[in-house]
Amino acid sequence: MAHSLAEIEDDALRLPPEDRARLAVQLLASLEGDVESPEEIEKLWLAEAERRFRELRDGVVEGIPAGEVFAQLRAKLRP
């Protein structure tokens, strides 16, 4: 029995968050070819976070206060 895309989307959105994440990874993998495992993705994000921390600590980049960032985003999103 064939299901419409809307039915599949509705079913997918009712899944628990972990299952939705797994489904998202699988769907992206079908488009992109090689996609890392959740464990590998976690390692990559940890390495990225460590790199960003070092850049902040060493003065390579300058942080922006969260309040300022959110104010800029709100201004951009207002109609």
N, C-alpha and C. Protein backbone atom coordinates (compact mmCIF):
# COMPACT_ATOMS: atom_id res chain seq x y z
N MET A 1 0.84 -1.18 0.00
CA MET A 1 0.00 0.00 0.00
C MET A 1 0.89 1.24 0.00
N ALA A 2 0.67 2.12 -0.94
CA ALA A 2 1.46 3.35 -1.05
C ALA A 2 0.91 4.41 -0.10
N HIS A 3 1.81 5.15 0.49
CA HIS A 3 1.43 6.24 1.39
C HIS A 3 1.83 7.56 0.76
N SER A 4 1.04 8.57 1.03
CA SER A 4 1.40 9.90 0.52
C SER A 4 2.52 10.48 1.36
N LEU A 5 3.22 11.44 0.80
CA LEU A 5 4.30 12.10 1.53
C LEU A 5 3.76 12.73 2.81
N ALA A 6 2.59 13.32 2.75
CA ALA A 6 2.00 13.96 3.94
C ALA A 6 1.77 12.93 5.05
N GLU A 7 1.31 11.72 4.67
CA GLU A 7 1.09 10.67 5.67
C GLU A 7 2.41 10.22 6.29
N ILE A 8 3.42 10.08 5.46
CA ILE A 8 4.73 9.67 5.97
C ILE A 8 5.29 10.74 6.89
N GLU A 9 5.16 12.01 6.51
CA GLU A 9 5.64 13.11 7.36
C GLU A 9 4.91 13.10 8.70
N ASP A 10 3.59 12.94 8.67
CA ASP A 10 2.82 12.91 9.92
C ASP A 10 3.27 11.76 10.82
N ASP A 11 3.46 10.58 10.21
CA ASP A 11 3.93 9.43 10.99
C ASP A 11 5.31 9.70 11.58
N ALA A 12 6.20 10.26 10.78
CA ALA A 12 7.57 10.52 11.24
C ALA A 12 7.58 11.53 12.38
N LEU A 13 6.74 12.54 12.32
CA LEU A 13 6.71 13.56 13.36
C LEU A 13 6.14 13.04 14.68
N ARG A 14 5.45 11.91 14.63
CA ARG A 14 4.93 11.31 15.86
C ARG A 14 5.95 10.38 16.53
N LEU A 15 7.06 10.14 15.86
CA LEU A 15 8.10 9.29 16.45
C LEU A 15 8.77 9.98 17.62
N PRO A 16 9.35 9.21 18.53
CA PRO A 16 10.14 9.81 19.61
C PRO A 16 11.35 10.55 19.02
N PRO A 17 11.87 11.55 19.72
CA PRO A 17 12.99 12.34 19.20
C PRO A 17 14.18 11.51 18.71
N GLU A 18 14.57 10.49 19.46
CA GLU A 18 15.72 9.67 19.04
C GLU A 18 15.46 8.97 17.72
N ASP A 19 14.24 8.48 17.53
CA ASP A 19 13.90 7.80 16.28
C ASP A 19 13.85 8.80 15.13
N ARG A 20 13.33 10.01 15.39
CA ARG A 20 13.31 11.04 14.34
C ARG A 20 14.73 11.40 13.92
N ALA A 21 15.63 11.51 14.90
CA ALA A 21 17.03 11.83 14.59
C ALA A 21 17.66 10.73 13.74
N ARG A 22 17.40 9.49 14.12
CA ARG A 22 17.95 8.36 13.35
C ARG A 22 17.40 8.36 11.93
N LEU A 23 16.11 8.61 11.79
CA LEU A 23 15.49 8.67 10.47
C LEU A 23 16.09 9.80 9.65
N ALA A 24 16.30 10.95 10.28
CA ALA A 24 16.89 12.10 9.58
C ALA A 24 18.28 11.75 9.06
N VAL A 25 19.08 11.09 9.88
CA VAL A 25 20.43 10.70 9.45
C VAL A 25 20.35 9.75 8.26
N GLN A 26 19.43 8.79 8.33
CA GLN A 26 19.30 7.83 7.23
C GLN A 26 18.83 8.52 5.95
N LEU A 27 17.89 9.44 6.07
CA LEU A 27 17.41 10.15 4.88
C LEU A 27 18.51 11.00 4.27
N LEU A 28 19.26 11.70 5.11
CA LEU A 28 20.38 12.50 4.60
C LEU A 28 21.43 11.62 3.94
N ALA A 29 21.68 10.47 4.53
CA ALA A 29 22.66 9.54 3.95
C ALA A 29 22.23 9.10 2.56
N SER A 30 20.93 8.94 2.37
CA SER A 30 20.45 8.52 1.06
C SER A 30 20.66 9.60 0.01
N LEU A 31 20.78 10.85 0.43
CA LEU A 31 21.01 11.96 -0.49
C LEU A 31 22.49 12.25 -0.68
N GLU A 32 23.25 12.12 0.39
CA GLU A 32 24.64 12.56 0.38
C GLU A 32 25.65 11.44 0.22
N GLY A 33 25.22 10.22 0.29
CA GLY A 33 26.19 9.14 0.23
C GLY A 33 26.69 8.80 1.61
N ASP A 34 27.97 9.05 1.86
CA ASP A 34 28.57 8.69 3.15
C ASP A 34 28.21 9.70 4.22
N VAL A 35 27.57 9.23 5.26
CA VAL A 35 27.27 10.04 6.43
C VAL A 35 27.82 9.30 7.64
N GLU A 36 28.47 10.04 8.52
CA GLU A 36 29.08 9.42 9.68
C GLU A 36 28.02 8.87 10.63
N SER A 37 28.45 7.94 11.46
CA SER A 37 27.59 7.38 12.49
C SER A 37 27.33 8.45 13.54
N PRO A 38 26.29 8.27 14.36
CA PRO A 38 26.05 9.24 15.44
C PRO A 38 27.27 9.42 16.35
N GLU A 39 28.00 8.33 16.58
CA GLU A 39 29.20 8.43 17.42
C GLU A 39 30.26 9.29 16.75
N GLU A 40 30.45 9.10 15.44
CA GLU A 40 31.44 9.89 14.70
C GLU A 40 31.01 11.35 14.64
N ILE A 41 29.73 11.59 14.46
CA ILE A 41 29.23 12.97 14.44
C ILE A 41 29.51 13.63 15.79
N GLU A 42 29.29 12.90 16.88
CA GLU A 42 29.56 13.45 18.21
C GLU A 42 31.04 13.80 18.36
N LYS A 43 31.93 12.93 17.87
CA LYS A 43 33.37 13.22 17.93
C LYS A 43 33.72 14.47 17.12
N LEU A 44 33.12 14.58 15.94
CA LEU A 44 33.39 15.74 15.09
C LEU A 44 32.92 17.03 15.75
N TRP A 45 31.73 17.01 16.38
CA TRP A 45 31.23 18.21 17.06
C TRP A 45 32.10 18.55 18.27
N LEU A 46 32.57 17.54 18.99
CA LEU A 46 33.45 17.80 20.12
C LEU A 46 34.74 18.46 19.64
N ALA A 47 35.31 17.96 18.55
CA ALA A 47 36.53 18.56 18.00
C ALA A 47 36.26 20.00 17.58
N GLU A 48 35.11 20.25 16.98
CA GLU A 48 34.75 21.61 16.56
C GLU A 48 34.60 22.53 17.77
N ALA A 49 33.93 22.04 18.81
CA ALA A 49 33.76 22.85 20.03
C ALA A 49 35.11 23.17 20.67
N GLU A 50 36.00 22.18 20.69
CA GLU A 50 37.33 22.42 21.26
C GLU A 50 38.10 23.44 20.44
N ARG A 51 38.00 23.36 19.11
CA ARG A 51 38.68 24.32 18.23
C ARG A 51 38.15 25.73 18.49
N ARG A 52 36.84 25.86 18.57
CA ARG A 52 36.25 27.18 18.82
C ARG A 52 36.66 27.73 20.18
N PHE A 53 36.71 26.86 21.19
CA PHE A 53 37.13 27.29 22.52
C PHE A 53 38.56 27.80 22.48
N ARG A 54 39.45 27.06 21.81
CA ARG A 54 40.85 27.50 21.71
C ARG A 54 40.96 28.86 21.01
N GLU A 55 40.18 29.05 19.95
CA GLU A 55 40.21 30.33 19.24
C GLU A 55 39.76 31.47 20.15
N LEU A 56 38.72 31.24 20.94
CA LEU A 56 38.27 32.27 21.90
C LEU A 56 39.33 32.52 22.96
N ARG A 57 39.85 31.46 23.53
CA ARG A 57 40.85 31.56 24.60
C ARG A 57 42.11 32.28 24.12
N ASP A 58 42.53 31.99 22.88
CA ASP A 58 43.77 32.54 22.35
C ASP A 58 43.59 33.91 21.70
N GLY A 59 42.35 34.42 21.69
CA GLY A 59 42.10 35.74 21.13
C GLY A 59 42.05 35.78 19.61
N VAL A 60 41.94 34.62 18.98
CA VAL A 60 41.84 34.56 17.52
C VAL A 60 40.51 35.14 17.06
N VAL A 61 39.46 34.86 17.83
CA VAL A 61 38.13 35.40 17.54
C VAL A 61 37.61 36.07 18.80
N GLU A 62 36.62 36.91 18.62
CA GLU A 62 36.01 37.60 19.76
C GLU A 62 34.55 37.19 19.87
N GLY A 63 34.14 36.86 21.07
CA GLY A 63 32.75 36.46 21.29
C GLY A 63 31.81 37.65 21.22
N ILE A 64 30.56 37.34 20.96
CA ILE A 64 29.50 38.35 20.93
C ILE A 64 28.51 37.97 22.03
N PRO A 65 28.15 38.90 22.91
CA PRO A 65 27.20 38.57 23.97
C PRO A 65 25.89 38.01 23.40
N ALA A 66 25.36 36.99 24.05
CA ALA A 66 24.14 36.33 23.57
C ALA A 66 23.00 37.31 23.39
N GLY A 67 22.84 38.25 24.33
CA GLY A 67 21.76 39.22 24.22
C GLY A 67 21.84 40.03 22.94
N GLU A 68 23.06 40.38 22.56
CA GLU A 68 23.25 41.14 21.32
C GLU A 68 22.91 40.29 20.10
N VAL A 69 23.34 39.03 20.11
CA VAL A 69 23.05 38.13 19.00
C VAL A 69 21.54 37.95 18.84
N PHE A 70 20.85 37.69 19.96
CA PHE A 70 19.41 37.48 19.89
C PHE A 70 18.68 38.75 19.46
N ALA A 71 19.14 39.91 19.89
CA ALA A 71 18.52 41.17 19.47
C ALA A 71 18.67 41.35 17.96
N GLN A 72 19.85 41.03 17.43
CA GLN A 72 20.06 41.13 15.98
C GLN A 72 19.15 40.17 15.23
N LEU A 73 19.02 38.95 15.74
CA LEU A 73 18.15 37.97 15.09
C LEU A 73 16.69 38.41 15.12
N ARG A 74 16.25 38.91 16.27
CA ARG A 74 14.86 39.38 16.37
C ARG A 74 14.60 40.50 15.37
N ALA A 75 15.56 41.42 15.25
CA ALA A 75 15.41 42.54 14.31
C ALA A 75 15.31 42.03 12.87
N LYS A 76 16.09 41.02 12.54
CA LYS A 76 16.07 40.47 11.18
C LYS A 76 14.78 39.71 10.89
N LEU A 77 14.22 39.08 11.92
CA LEU A 77 13.04 38.24 11.71
C LEU A 77 11.72 39.01 11.77
N ARG A 78 11.77 40.23 12.27
CA ARG A 78 10.53 41.01 12.34
C ARG A 78 10.10 41.41 10.93
N PRO A 79 8.78 41.34 10.70
CA PRO A 79 8.28 41.73 9.36
C PRO A 79 8.39 43.21 9.10
